[in-house]
Amino acid sequence: MGELGGKTLDWVDGTILMVDQTKLPTSVEVLQIATVSDLVDAIRRLSVRGAPAIGVAGAFGVVLAAKVDGVGTEAFAAAVESIRSARPTAVNLAKMVDRVVATSDGGFDAVLAEAYAVRDDELVASVKMGDNGADLVVELTGRSDSVRALTICNTGGLASVERGTALAVIQTLHERGLLEEAVALETRPLLQGARLTAWELQQMGAPFRLIVDSAGPHLISTGSVHVVLVGADRIAANGDTANKIGTYSLALAARYSRVPFVVVAPESTIDMATVTGDDIEIEDRGDDEVVCFAGVASAPDGTHALNPAFDVTPAELITAIVTDTRVVRLDRGESLDSGQG
């Protein structure tokens, strides 16, 4: 990762470099993306994933399209649309593509400058989310040390270039000496928690244990964790939040057990044009991820699967939403349209 300077995704020498998340944790491999079609493929096969990260990837994808096709051409428009629609649930992808395209009248240099600005905004946001979230965890739990935090999927630097969202909060707690343990769900069917979050926690030297997904609600119910920290792929205007499948069950357990349930995401993940969670398109990723594992069949031939990649947690189950600019206490009746940063 030397050429990435500690980042997991960047624009380097006219191409997009990214850590291939499908290869972790057994090997750390860097992909060099030189065409839009290769980028779209990388997004769809989850070589790059996480709402902020695919937003940055989409921003640099517009730069690739401008470099290859020239801004303002039909080919450029078609390439941009293929990037924009590569994955439907995470709002950051379409938002950041549109943000960069809006500068295309200024030519290639303007597009590249805006893509860098998208990246830099996410880098700053990760630090601020970590700080805001760590402060809130101390407030909500009343604990000035020995915090045990449960999280799902992967919300670290792999999901947002550096540090992350929910995992940035855990990293900040660890750096402040407040983290007793992180508890990570393995996150079926692709094991983003086991493969990616565990790897990132090891890299930061944080204490952690891994659990099967179905153990999460049980551990919440027994008081084994003090807070649940999750990311988001899209937050609707009313606070309903789409995140990795399995998040909703954690929220239900947390509400019943009176454990704080906190969503951590940058302002860019809030979509005020999406009124409620009912308006969020939920991606179904097909049979293969469920009926096979690592290329080996785990179900009888001919088995079909339901494979929603996300679920929606209603706002009334969320204690607070932490962004890079604010903390919105939904449990106190605060709303996203008040004092939006």
C-alpha atoms as a PDB file:
ATOM      1  CA  MET A   1       0.000   0.000   0.000  1.00  0.00           C
ATOM      2  CA  GLY A   2       3.028   2.263  -0.155  1.00  0.00           C
ATOM      3  CA  GLU A   3       1.894   3.994  -3.321  1.00  0.00           C
ATOM      4  CA  LEU A   4      -1.381   4.881  -1.576  1.00  0.00           C
ATOM      5  CA  GLY A   5       0.339   6.616   1.336  1.00  0.00           C
ATOM      6  CA  GLY A   6      -1.807   4.897   3.954  1.00  0.00           C
ATOM      7  CA  LYS A   7      -5.065   5.515   2.111  1.00  0.00           C
ATOM      8  CA  THR A   8      -7.183   2.654   0.763  1.00  0.00           C
ATOM      9  CA  LEU A   9      -8.189   4.502  -2.414  1.00  0.00           C
ATOM     10  CA  ASP A  10      -6.683   7.383  -4.407  1.00  0.00           C
ATOM     11  CA  TRP A  11      -5.912   8.914  -7.807  1.00  0.00           C
ATOM     12  CA  VAL A  12      -2.258   8.242  -8.674  1.00  0.00           C
ATOM     13  CA  ASP A  13      -0.498   8.944 -11.979  1.00  0.00           C
ATOM     14  CA  GLY A  14      -3.667   9.108 -14.058  1.00  0.00           C
ATOM     15  CA  THR A  15      -5.327   5.982 -12.665  1.00  0.00           C
ATOM     16  CA  ILE A  16      -7.375   4.945  -9.636  1.00  0.00           C
ATOM     17  CA  LEU A  17      -5.500   2.806  -7.141  1.00  0.00           C
ATOM     18  CA  MET A  18      -7.510   0.893  -4.555  1.00  0.00           C
ATOM     19  CA  VAL A  19      -6.978  -1.918  -2.091  1.00  0.00           C
ATOM     20  CA  ASP A  20      -8.868  -4.940  -3.448  1.00  0.00           C
ATOM     21  CA  GLN A  21     -11.174  -5.750  -0.553  1.00  0.00           C
ATOM     22  CA  THR A  22     -12.084  -9.133  -2.015  1.00  0.00           C
ATOM     23  CA  LYS A  23      -8.503 -10.343  -1.365  1.00  0.00           C
ATOM     24  CA  LEU A  24      -8.356  -9.409   2.327  1.00  0.00           C
ATOM     25  CA  PRO A  25      -7.313 -10.631   4.817  1.00  0.00           C
ATOM     26  CA  THR A  26      -5.131 -13.281   3.169  1.00  0.00           C
ATOM     27  CA  SER A  27      -3.339 -10.774   0.941  1.00  0.00           C
ATOM     28  CA  VAL A  28      -3.152  -7.006   0.488  1.00  0.00           C
ATOM     29  CA  GLU A  29      -3.380  -6.316  -3.232  1.00  0.00           C
ATOM     30  CA  VAL A  30      -3.746  -2.947  -4.948  1.00  0.00           C
ATOM     31  CA  LEU A  31      -5.850  -2.670  -8.093  1.00  0.00           C
ATOM     32  CA  GLN A  32      -4.941  -0.164 -10.792  1.00  0.00           C
ATOM     33  CA  ILE A  33      -8.102   1.028 -12.529  1.00  0.00           C
ATOM     34  CA  ALA A  34      -7.578   2.723 -15.891  1.00  0.00           C
ATOM     35  CA  THR A  35     -11.035   2.416 -17.504  1.00  0.00           C
ATOM     36  CA  VAL A  36     -14.575   3.201 -16.459  1.00  0.00           C
ATOM     37  CA  SER A  37     -15.732  -0.333 -17.212  1.00  0.00           C
ATOM     38  CA  ASP A  38     -13.080  -1.716 -14.865  1.00  0.00           C
ATOM     39  CA  LEU A  39     -14.198   0.705 -12.157  1.00  0.00           C
ATOM     40  CA  VAL A  40     -17.852  -0.271 -12.529  1.00  0.00           C
ATOM     41  CA  ASP A  41     -16.843  -3.911 -12.301  1.00  0.00           C
ATOM     42  CA  ALA A  42     -14.773  -3.217  -9.171  1.00  0.00           C
ATOM     43  CA  ILE A  43     -17.729  -1.467  -7.519  1.00  0.00           C
ATOM     44  CA  ARG A  44     -20.179  -4.229  -8.401  1.00  0.00           C
ATOM     45  CA  ARG A  45     -17.947  -7.078  -7.234  1.00  0.00           C
ATOM     46  CA  LEU A  46     -17.171  -5.165  -4.007  1.00  0.00           C
ATOM     47  CA  SER A  47     -13.461  -4.675  -4.594  1.00  0.00           C
ATOM     48  CA  VAL A  48     -14.348  -1.207  -3.313  1.00  0.00           C
ATOM     49  CA  ARG A  49     -17.321  -0.874  -0.974  1.00  0.00           C
ATOM     50  CA  GLY A  50     -18.661   1.318   1.802  1.00  0.00           C
ATOM     51  CA  ALA A  51     -20.762   4.371   1.012  1.00  0.00           C
ATOM     52  CA  PRO A  52     -18.059   7.060   1.415  1.00  0.00           C
ATOM     53  CA  ALA A  53     -15.432   4.984  -0.415  1.00  0.00           C
ATOM     54  CA  ILE A  54     -17.594   4.266  -3.426  1.00  0.00           C
ATOM     55  CA  GLY A  55     -18.499   7.953  -3.488  1.00  0.00           C
ATOM     56  CA  VAL A  56     -14.800   8.809  -3.774  1.00  0.00           C
ATOM     57  CA  ALA A  57     -14.323   6.033  -6.337  1.00  0.00           C
ATOM     58  CA  GLY A  58     -17.230   7.442  -8.343  1.00  0.00           C
ATOM     59  CA  ALA A  59     -15.725  10.935  -8.204  1.00  0.00           C
ATOM     60  CA  PHE A  60     -12.427   9.667  -9.592  1.00  0.00           C
ATOM     61  CA  GLY A  61     -14.398   7.611 -12.111  1.00  0.00           C
ATOM     62  CA  VAL A  62     -15.722  10.843 -13.600  1.00  0.00           C
ATOM     63  CA  VAL A  63     -12.099  11.931 -13.953  1.00  0.00           C
ATOM     64  CA  LEU A  64     -11.343   8.697 -15.825  1.00  0.00           C
ATOM     65  CA  ALA A  65     -14.305   9.317 -18.118  1.00  0.00           C
ATOM     66  CA  ALA A  66     -13.116  12.873 -18.767  1.00  0.00           C
ATOM     67  CA  LYS A  67      -9.602  11.657 -19.502  1.00  0.00           C
ATOM     68  CA  VAL A  68     -10.683   8.927 -21.924  1.00  0.00           C
ATOM     69  CA  ASP A  69     -13.773  10.412 -23.573  1.00  0.00           C
ATOM     70  CA  GLY A  70     -13.472  14.163 -23.036  1.00  0.00           C
ATOM     71  CA  VAL A  71     -16.032  16.167 -21.109  1.00  0.00           C
ATOM     72  CA  GLY A  72     -19.337  17.004 -22.721  1.00  0.00           C
ATOM     73  CA  THR A  73     -19.352  14.117 -25.193  1.00  0.00           C
ATOM     74  CA  GLU A  74     -22.011  11.428 -25.519  1.00  0.00           C
ATOM     75  CA  ALA A  75     -19.423   8.850 -24.508  1.00  0.00           C
ATOM     76  CA  PHE A  76     -18.636  10.865 -21.388  1.00  0.00           C
ATOM     77  CA  ALA A  77     -22.340  11.033 -20.447  1.00  0.00           C
ATOM     78  CA  ALA A  78     -22.776   7.290 -20.966  1.00  0.00           C
ATOM     79  CA  ALA A  79     -19.680   6.492 -18.921  1.00  0.00           C
ATOM     80  CA  VAL A  80     -20.833   8.744 -16.102  1.00  0.00           C
ATOM     81  CA  GLU A  81     -24.258   7.102 -15.998  1.00  0.00           C
ATOM     82  CA  SER A  82     -22.724   3.624 -15.836  1.00  0.00           C
ATOM     83  CA  ILE A  83     -20.733   4.688 -12.770  1.00  0.00           C
ATOM     84  CA  ARG A  84     -23.657   6.463 -11.166  1.00  0.00           C
ATOM     85  CA  SER A  85     -25.917   3.401 -11.367  1.00  0.00           C
ATOM     86  CA  ALA A  86     -23.340   0.736 -10.471  1.00  0.00           C
ATOM     87  CA  ARG A  87     -24.936   0.218  -7.033  1.00  0.00           C
ATOM     88  CA  PRO A  88     -28.347   1.678  -6.148  1.00  0.00           C
ATOM     89  CA  THR A  89     -28.658   1.797  -2.352  1.00  0.00           C
ATOM     90  CA  ALA A  90     -25.684   3.896  -1.212  1.00  0.00           C
ATOM     91  CA  VAL A  91     -26.499   7.525  -1.994  1.00  0.00           C
ATOM     92  CA  ASN A  92     -22.863   8.710  -1.898  1.00  0.00           C
ATOM     93  CA  LEU A  93     -22.066   7.181  -5.281  1.00  0.00           C
ATOM     94  CA  ALA A  94     -24.663   9.143  -7.230  1.00  0.00           C
ATOM     95  CA  LYS A  95     -24.138  12.278  -5.125  1.00  0.00           C
ATOM     96  CA  MET A  96     -20.401  12.448  -5.678  1.00  0.00           C
ATOM     97  CA  VAL A  97     -20.617  11.600  -9.359  1.00  0.00           C
ATOM     98  CA  ASP A  98     -23.129  14.421  -9.797  1.00  0.00           C
ATOM     99  CA  ARG A  99     -20.981  16.795  -7.742  1.00  0.00           C
ATOM    100  CA  VAL A 100     -17.950  16.257  -9.964  1.00  0.00           C
ATOM    101  CA  VAL A 101     -19.931  16.295 -13.218  1.00  0.00           C
ATOM    102  CA  ALA A 102     -21.319  19.697 -12.223  1.00  0.00           C
ATOM    103  CA  THR A 103     -17.812  21.134 -12.635  1.00  0.00           C
ATOM    104  CA  SER A 104     -17.188  19.602 -16.058  1.00  0.00           C
ATOM    105  CA  ASP A 105     -17.732  22.868 -17.938  1.00  0.00           C
ATOM    106  CA  GLY A 106     -14.313  23.810 -16.567  1.00  0.00           C
ATOM    107  CA  GLY A 107     -12.685  20.891 -18.365  1.00  0.00           C
ATOM    108  CA  PHE A 108     -10.472  18.080 -17.123  1.00  0.00           C
ATOM    109  CA  ASP A 109      -8.544  20.142 -14.564  1.00  0.00           C
ATOM    110  CA  ALA A 110     -11.747  21.310 -12.894  1.00  0.00           C
ATOM    111  CA  VAL A 111     -13.100  17.761 -12.753  1.00  0.00           C
ATOM    112  CA  LEU A 112      -9.888  16.453 -11.215  1.00  0.00           C
ATOM    113  CA  ALA A 113      -9.783  19.272  -8.650  1.00  0.00           C
ATOM    114  CA  GLU A 114     -13.356  18.550  -7.574  1.00  0.00           C
ATOM    115  CA  ALA A 115     -12.674  14.812  -7.269  1.00  0.00           C
ATOM    116  CA  TYR A 116      -9.714  15.567  -5.020  1.00  0.00           C
ATOM    117  CA  ALA A 117     -12.001  17.834  -2.979  1.00  0.00           C
ATOM    118  CA  VAL A 118     -14.456  14.938  -2.563  1.00  0.00           C
ATOM    119  CA  ARG A 119     -11.626  12.740  -1.298  1.00  0.00           C
ATOM    120  CA  ASP A 120     -10.308  15.406   1.058  1.00  0.00           C
ATOM    121  CA  ASP A 121     -13.773  16.088   2.456  1.00  0.00           C
ATOM    122  CA  GLU A 122     -14.130  12.411   3.359  1.00  0.00           C
ATOM    123  CA  LEU A 123     -10.706  12.357   5.031  1.00  0.00           C
ATOM    124  CA  VAL A 124     -11.633  15.304   7.234  1.00  0.00           C
ATOM    125  CA  ALA A 125     -15.103  13.867   7.899  1.00  0.00           C
ATOM    126  CA  SER A 126     -13.683  10.604   9.230  1.00  0.00           C
ATOM    127  CA  VAL A 127     -11.634  12.375  11.887  1.00  0.00           C
ATOM    128  CA  LYS A 128     -14.569  14.547  12.934  1.00  0.00           C
ATOM    129  CA  MET A 129     -16.971  11.587  13.088  1.00  0.00           C
ATOM    130  CA  GLY A 130     -14.526   9.748  15.310  1.00  0.00           C
ATOM    131  CA  ASP A 131     -14.301  12.674  17.705  1.00  0.00           C
ATOM    132  CA  ASN A 132     -18.036  13.436  17.722  1.00  0.00           C
ATOM    133  CA  GLY A 133     -18.929   9.775  18.156  1.00  0.00           C
ATOM    134  CA  ALA A 134     -16.433   9.086  20.934  1.00  0.00           C
ATOM    135  CA  ASP A 135     -17.686  12.093  22.902  1.00  0.00           C
ATOM    136  CA  LEU A 136     -21.272  10.882  22.472  1.00  0.00           C
ATOM    137  CA  VAL A 137     -20.464   7.305  23.536  1.00  0.00           C
ATOM    138  CA  VAL A 138     -19.011   8.581  26.812  1.00  0.00           C
ATOM    139  CA  GLU A 139     -22.103  10.736  27.346  1.00  0.00           C
ATOM    140  CA  LEU A 140     -24.596   7.969  26.530  1.00  0.00           C
ATOM    141  CA  THR A 141     -22.921   5.172  28.449  1.00  0.00           C
ATOM    142  CA  GLY A 142     -21.656   7.226  31.386  1.00  0.00           C
ATOM    143  CA  ARG A 143     -18.364   5.371  31.079  1.00  0.00           C
ATOM    144  CA  SER A 144     -15.038   7.170  31.045  1.00  0.00           C
ATOM    145  CA  ASP A 145     -13.207   3.909  30.378  1.00  0.00           C
ATOM    146  CA  SER A 146     -13.799   0.227  29.585  1.00  0.00           C
ATOM    147  CA  VAL A 147     -16.314   0.743  26.775  1.00  0.00           C
ATOM    148  CA  ARG A 148     -17.417  -2.380  24.909  1.00  0.00           C
ATOM    149  CA  ALA A 149     -18.797  -1.488  21.478  1.00  0.00           C
ATOM    150  CA  LEU A 150     -20.557  -3.792  19.024  1.00  0.00           C
ATOM    151  CA  THR A 151     -20.460  -3.149  15.286  1.00  0.00           C
ATOM    152  CA  ILE A 152     -21.552  -4.805  12.049  1.00  0.00           C
ATOM    153  CA  CYS A 153     -20.020  -5.039   8.567  1.00  0.00           C
ATOM    154  CA  ASN A 154     -17.003  -2.850   7.824  1.00  0.00           C
ATOM    155  CA  THR A 155     -16.997   0.873   8.468  1.00  0.00           C
ATOM    156  CA  GLY A 156     -13.272   1.644   8.672  1.00  0.00           C
ATOM    157  CA  GLY A 157     -10.750   3.140   6.288  1.00  0.00           C
ATOM    158  CA  LEU A 158     -11.558   0.479   3.719  1.00  0.00           C
ATOM    159  CA  ALA A 159     -15.070   1.919   3.578  1.00  0.00           C
ATOM    160  CA  SER A 160     -14.048   5.577   3.477  1.00  0.00           C
ATOM    161  CA  VAL A 161     -10.380   6.021   2.436  1.00  0.00           C
ATOM    162  CA  GLU A 162      -9.035   6.529   5.994  1.00  0.00           C
ATOM    163  CA  ARG A 163     -10.313   5.855   9.557  1.00  0.00           C
ATOM    164  CA  GLY A 164     -13.957   5.411   8.587  1.00  0.00           C
ATOM    165  CA  THR A 165     -17.360   6.073  10.147  1.00  0.00           C
ATOM    166  CA  ALA A 166     -18.499   3.786  12.993  1.00  0.00           C
ATOM    167  CA  LEU A 167     -15.063   2.171  13.131  1.00  0.00           C
ATOM    168  CA  ALA A 168     -13.515   5.647  13.330  1.00  0.00           C
ATOM    169  CA  VAL A 169     -15.417   6.087  16.592  1.00  0.00           C
ATOM    170  CA  ILE A 170     -14.009   2.799  17.866  1.00  0.00           C
ATOM    171  CA  GLN A 171     -10.515   3.836  16.760  1.00  0.00           C
ATOM    172  CA  THR A 172     -10.837   7.168  18.553  1.00  0.00           C
ATOM    173  CA  LEU A 173     -12.076   5.442  21.721  1.00  0.00           C
ATOM    174  CA  HIS A 174      -9.054   3.134  21.497  1.00  0.00           C
ATOM    175  CA  GLU A 175      -6.646   6.036  20.984  1.00  0.00           C
ATOM    176  CA  ARG A 176      -8.120   7.803  24.015  1.00  0.00           C
ATOM    177  CA  GLY A 177      -7.644   4.671  26.156  1.00  0.00           C
ATOM    178  CA  LEU A 178     -11.400   4.215  26.586  1.00  0.00           C
ATOM    179  CA  LEU A 179     -11.993   1.007  24.605  1.00  0.00           C
ATOM    180  CA  GLU A 180     -12.164  -2.234  26.551  1.00  0.00           C
ATOM    181  CA  GLU A 181     -13.220  -4.262  23.528  1.00  0.00           C
ATOM    182  CA  ALA A 182     -14.798  -4.064  20.108  1.00  0.00           C
ATOM    183  CA  VAL A 183     -17.217  -6.856  19.236  1.00  0.00           C
ATOM    184  CA  ALA A 184     -17.483  -7.383  15.482  1.00  0.00           C
ATOM    185  CA  LEU A 185     -20.191  -9.352  13.704  1.00  0.00           C
ATOM    186  CA  GLU A 186     -18.805 -11.636  11.001  1.00  0.00           C
ATOM    187  CA  THR A 187     -21.442 -10.196   8.591  1.00  0.00           C
ATOM    188  CA  ARG A 188     -22.729 -12.854   6.260  1.00  0.00           C
ATOM    189  CA  PRO A 189     -22.776 -13.662   3.437  1.00  0.00           C
ATOM    190  CA  LEU A 190     -19.442 -12.071   2.432  1.00  0.00           C
ATOM    191  CA  LEU A 191     -17.920 -11.796   5.912  1.00  0.00           C
ATOM    192  CA  GLN A 192     -16.963  -8.128   5.746  1.00  0.00           C
ATOM    193  CA  GLY A 193     -16.708  -8.140   9.526  1.00  0.00           C
ATOM    194  CA  ALA A 194     -14.518 -11.233   9.726  1.00  0.00           C
ATOM    195  CA  ARG A 195     -12.360 -10.393   6.721  1.00  0.00           C
ATOM    196  CA  LEU A 196     -12.157  -6.600   6.827  1.00  0.00           C
ATOM    197  CA  THR A 197     -13.137  -5.207  10.218  1.00  0.00           C
ATOM    198  CA  ALA A 198     -11.065  -7.776  12.099  1.00  0.00           C
ATOM    199  CA  TRP A 199      -8.109  -6.948   9.835  1.00  0.00           C
ATOM    200  CA  GLU A 200      -8.480  -3.211  10.457  1.00  0.00           C
ATOM    201  CA  LEU A 201      -8.847  -3.684  14.217  1.00  0.00           C
ATOM    202  CA  GLN A 202      -5.655  -5.738  14.173  1.00  0.00           C
ATOM    203  CA  GLN A 203      -3.887  -2.996  12.226  1.00  0.00           C
ATOM    204  CA  MET A 204      -4.826  -0.393  14.846  1.00  0.00           C
ATOM    205  CA  GLY A 205      -3.951  -2.709  17.746  1.00  0.00           C
ATOM    206  CA  ALA A 206      -7.427  -2.512  19.259  1.00  0.00           C
ATOM    207  CA  PRO A 207      -8.772  -5.312  21.499  1.00  0.00           C
ATOM    208  CA  PHE A 208     -11.598  -7.163  19.778  1.00  0.00           C
ATOM    209  CA  ARG A 209     -13.488 -10.406  19.415  1.00  0.00           C
ATOM    210  CA  LEU A 210     -15.456 -11.741  16.463  1.00  0.00           C
ATOM    211  CA  ILE A 211     -18.955 -13.218  16.723  1.00  0.00           C
ATOM    212  CA  VAL A 212     -21.443 -14.917  14.413  1.00  0.00           C
ATOM    213  CA  ASP A 213     -24.213 -12.591  13.280  1.00  0.00           C
ATOM    214  CA  SER A 214     -26.965 -14.303  15.268  1.00  0.00           C
ATOM    215  CA  ALA A 215     -25.035 -13.779  18.528  1.00  0.00           C
ATOM    216  CA  GLY A 216     -25.339  -9.997  18.277  1.00  0.00           C
ATOM    217  CA  PRO A 217     -28.839  -9.558  19.725  1.00  0.00           C
ATOM    218  CA  HIS A 218     -28.040 -12.077  22.481  1.00  0.00           C
ATOM    219  CA  LEU A 219     -24.936 -10.193  23.603  1.00  0.00           C
ATOM    220  CA  ILE A 220     -26.864  -6.919  23.573  1.00  0.00           C
ATOM    221  CA  SER A 221     -29.611  -8.480  25.701  1.00  0.00           C
ATOM    222  CA  THR A 222     -27.166  -9.752  28.327  1.00  0.00           C
ATOM    223  CA  GLY A 223     -25.449  -6.391  28.823  1.00  0.00           C
ATOM    224  CA  SER A 224     -22.230  -7.655  27.271  1.00  0.00           C
ATOM    225  CA  VAL A 225     -21.835  -4.456  25.235  1.00  0.00           C
ATOM    226  CA  HIS A 226     -22.451  -0.842  26.182  1.00  0.00           C
ATOM    227  CA  VAL A 227     -23.205   0.664  22.780  1.00  0.00           C
ATOM    228  CA  VAL A 228     -23.989  -0.404  19.214  1.00  0.00           C
ATOM    229  CA  LEU A 229     -22.179   1.598  16.517  1.00  0.00           C
ATOM    230  CA  VAL A 230     -23.184   1.145  12.867  1.00  0.00           C
ATOM    231  CA  GLY A 231     -22.602   2.900   9.575  1.00  0.00           C
ATOM    232  CA  ALA A 232     -25.113   3.817   6.882  1.00  0.00           C
ATOM    233  CA  ASP A 233     -25.495   3.584   3.136  1.00  0.00           C
ATOM    234  CA  ARG A 234     -28.376   6.057   2.963  1.00  0.00           C
ATOM    235  CA  ILE A 235     -30.176   8.069   5.625  1.00  0.00           C
ATOM    236  CA  ALA A 236     -33.647   9.290   4.692  1.00  0.00           C
ATOM    237  CA  ALA A 237     -34.948  12.729   5.620  1.00  0.00           C
ATOM    238  CA  ASN A 238     -36.916  11.336   8.571  1.00  0.00           C
ATOM    239  CA  GLY A 239     -33.882   9.472   9.964  1.00  0.00           C
ATOM    240  CA  ASP A 240     -34.712   5.987   8.658  1.00  0.00           C
ATOM    241  CA  THR A 241     -31.376   4.386   7.846  1.00  0.00           C
ATOM    242  CA  ALA A 242     -30.325   1.752   5.317  1.00  0.00           C
ATOM    243  CA  ASN A 243     -27.309  -0.286   6.337  1.00  0.00           C
ATOM    244  CA  LYS A 244     -25.920  -3.807   5.994  1.00  0.00           C
ATOM    245  CA  ILE A 245     -28.519  -6.552   6.368  1.00  0.00           C
ATOM    246  CA  GLY A 246     -28.748  -7.520  10.031  1.00  0.00           C
ATOM    247  CA  THR A 247     -28.585  -3.967  11.355  1.00  0.00           C
ATOM    248  CA  TYR A 248     -32.335  -3.842  12.000  1.00  0.00           C
ATOM    249  CA  SER A 249     -32.233  -6.852  14.328  1.00  0.00           C
ATOM    250  CA  LEU A 250     -29.440  -5.201  16.330  1.00  0.00           C
ATOM    251  CA  ALA A 251     -31.536  -2.047  16.641  1.00  0.00           C
ATOM    252  CA  LEU A 252     -34.537  -4.023  17.905  1.00  0.00           C
ATOM    253  CA  ALA A 253     -32.396  -5.787  20.493  1.00  0.00           C
ATOM    254  CA  ALA A 254     -30.798  -2.513  21.549  1.00  0.00           C
ATOM    255  CA  ARG A 255     -34.147  -0.796  22.019  1.00  0.00           C
ATOM    256  CA  TYR A 256     -35.565  -3.698  24.059  1.00  0.00           C
ATOM    257  CA  SER A 257     -32.400  -3.871  26.174  1.00  0.00           C
ATOM    258  CA  ARG A 258     -32.021  -0.083  26.540  1.00  0.00           C
ATOM    259  CA  VAL A 259     -28.592  -0.041  24.943  1.00  0.00           C
ATOM    260  CA  PRO A 260     -27.702   3.071  22.866  1.00  0.00           C
ATOM    261  CA  PHE A 261     -27.861   2.470  19.125  1.00  0.00           C
ATOM    262  CA  VAL A 262     -25.829   5.023  17.178  1.00  0.00           C
ATOM    263  CA  VAL A 263     -25.558   5.536  13.419  1.00  0.00           C
ATOM    264  CA  VAL A 264     -22.318   7.145  12.215  1.00  0.00           C
ATOM    265  CA  ALA A 265     -22.115   8.566   8.691  1.00  0.00           C
ATOM    266  CA  PRO A 266     -20.935  11.710   6.917  1.00  0.00           C
ATOM    267  CA  GLU A 267     -23.388  14.427   5.968  1.00  0.00           C
ATOM    268  CA  SER A 268     -23.001  13.208   2.386  1.00  0.00           C
ATOM    269  CA  THR A 269     -24.910  10.018   3.292  1.00  0.00           C
ATOM    270  CA  ILE A 270     -28.003  11.970   4.349  1.00  0.00           C
ATOM    271  CA  ASP A 271     -30.445  12.161   1.452  1.00  0.00           C
ATOM    272  CA  MET A 272     -33.112  14.738   2.149  1.00  0.00           C
ATOM    273  CA  ALA A 273     -34.712  13.866  -1.202  1.00  0.00           C
ATOM    274  CA  THR A 274     -35.525  10.413   0.166  1.00  0.00           C
ATOM    275  CA  VAL A 275     -38.483  11.049   2.435  1.00  0.00           C
ATOM    276  CA  THR A 276     -38.556   7.785   4.411  1.00  0.00           C
ATOM    277  CA  GLY A 277     -36.921   4.384   4.408  1.00  0.00           C
ATOM    278  CA  ASP A 278     -39.792   3.065   2.297  1.00  0.00           C
ATOM    279  CA  ASP A 279     -38.325   5.055  -0.613  1.00  0.00           C
ATOM    280  CA  ILE A 280     -34.873   3.405  -0.428  1.00  0.00           C
ATOM    281  CA  GLU A 281     -34.147   0.831  -3.120  1.00  0.00           C
ATOM    282  CA  ILE A 282     -32.729  -2.314  -1.504  1.00  0.00           C
ATOM    283  CA  GLU A 283     -30.211  -4.146  -3.657  1.00  0.00           C
ATOM    284  CA  ASP A 284     -30.621  -7.920  -3.960  1.00  0.00           C
ATOM    285  CA  ARG A 285     -27.306  -9.495  -4.909  1.00  0.00           C
ATOM    286  CA  GLY A 286     -28.646 -12.807  -6.201  1.00  0.00           C
ATOM    287  CA  ASP A 287     -28.093 -16.450  -5.356  1.00  0.00           C
ATOM    288  CA  ASP A 288     -24.354 -17.059  -5.541  1.00  0.00           C
ATOM    289  CA  GLU A 289     -23.259 -15.248  -2.372  1.00  0.00           C
ATOM    290  CA  VAL A 290     -25.716 -17.287  -0.300  1.00  0.00           C
ATOM    291  CA  VAL A 291     -25.554 -20.761  -1.879  1.00  0.00           C
ATOM    292  CA  CYS A 292     -21.763 -20.747  -2.297  1.00  0.00           C
ATOM    293  CA  PHE A 293     -18.841 -19.784  -0.102  1.00  0.00           C
ATOM    294  CA  ALA A 294     -15.372 -19.062  -1.506  1.00  0.00           C
ATOM    295  CA  GLY A 295     -16.459 -20.711  -4.742  1.00  0.00           C
ATOM    296  CA  VAL A 296     -17.622 -23.915  -3.050  1.00  0.00           C
ATOM    297  CA  ALA A 297     -21.303 -24.872  -3.021  1.00  0.00           C
ATOM    298  CA  SER A 298     -22.836 -24.717   0.456  1.00  0.00           C
ATOM    299  CA  ALA A 299     -26.389 -25.623  -0.591  1.00  0.00           C
ATOM    300  CA  PRO A 300     -27.878 -28.257  -2.928  1.00  0.00           C
ATOM    301  CA  ASP A 301     -27.701 -27.589  -6.671  1.00  0.00           C
ATOM    302  CA  GLY A 302     -30.652 -25.586  -7.885  1.00  0.00           C
ATOM    303  CA  THR A 303     -31.218 -23.792  -4.577  1.00  0.00           C
ATOM    304  CA  HIS A 304     -32.424 -20.211  -4.988  1.00  0.00           C
ATOM    305  CA  ALA A 305     -31.853 -17.503  -2.400  1.00  0.00           C
ATOM    306  CA  LEU A 306     -33.136 -14.177  -1.206  1.00  0.00           C
ATOM    307  CA  ASN A 307     -30.103 -11.945  -0.752  1.00  0.00           C
ATOM    308  CA  PRO A 308     -30.999  -8.379   0.282  1.00  0.00           C
ATOM    309  CA  ALA A 309     -27.725  -6.560   0.903  1.00  0.00           C
ATOM    310  CA  PHE A 310     -29.313  -3.996   3.227  1.00  0.00           C
ATOM    311  CA  ASP A 311     -32.190  -3.446   5.617  1.00  0.00           C
ATOM    312  CA  VAL A 312     -33.782  -0.264   6.915  1.00  0.00           C
ATOM    313  CA  THR A 313     -33.772   0.674  10.592  1.00  0.00           C
ATOM    314  CA  PRO A 314     -36.652   3.013  11.489  1.00  0.00           C
ATOM    315  CA  ALA A 315     -35.695   6.331  13.027  1.00  0.00           C
ATOM    316  CA  GLU A 316     -37.563   5.553  16.247  1.00  0.00           C
ATOM    317  CA  LEU A 317     -35.070   2.759  17.005  1.00  0.00           C
ATOM    318  CA  ILE A 318     -32.029   5.035  16.588  1.00  0.00           C
ATOM    319  CA  THR A 319     -30.641   6.870  19.599  1.00  0.00           C
ATOM    320  CA  ALA A 320     -28.552   9.326  17.591  1.00  0.00           C
ATOM    321  CA  ILE A 321     -27.051   9.999  14.192  1.00  0.00           C
ATOM    322  CA  VAL A 322     -23.448  11.214  14.302  1.00  0.00           C
ATOM    323  CA  THR A 323     -22.021  13.047  11.298  1.00  0.00           C
ATOM    324  CA  ASP A 324     -18.886  15.068  10.689  1.00  0.00           C
ATOM    325  CA  THR A 325     -20.680  18.296  11.586  1.00  0.00           C
ATOM    326  CA  ARG A 326     -23.237  17.414  14.268  1.00  0.00           C
ATOM    327  CA  VAL A 327     -24.956  14.922  16.536  1.00  0.00           C
ATOM    328  CA  VAL A 328     -28.690  14.514  16.005  1.00  0.00           C
ATOM    329  CA  ARG A 329     -30.413  12.996  19.040  1.00  0.00           C
ATOM    330  CA  LEU A 330     -33.419  11.292  17.492  1.00  0.00           C
ATOM    331  CA  ASP A 331     -34.315   9.923  20.938  1.00  0.00           C
ATOM    332  CA  ARG A 332     -34.882  13.513  22.062  1.00  0.00           C
ATOM    333  CA  GLY A 333     -37.051  14.412  19.089  1.00  0.00           C
ATOM    334  CA  GLU A 334     -34.330  16.216  17.137  1.00  0.00           C
ATOM    335  CA  SER A 335     -34.585  15.996  13.354  1.00  0.00           C
ATOM    336  CA  LEU A 336     -32.187  16.028  10.427  1.00  0.00           C
ATOM    337  CA  ASP A 337     -33.689  19.152   8.895  1.00  0.00           C
ATOM    338  CA  SER A 338     -32.816  21.237  11.950  1.00  0.00           C
ATOM    339  CA  GLY A 339     -29.419  22.906  11.731  1.00  0.00           C
ATOM    340  CA  GLN A 340     -28.198  20.763   8.861  1.00  0.00           C
ATOM    341  CA  GLY A 341     -24.470  21.165   8.319  1.00  0.00           C
END
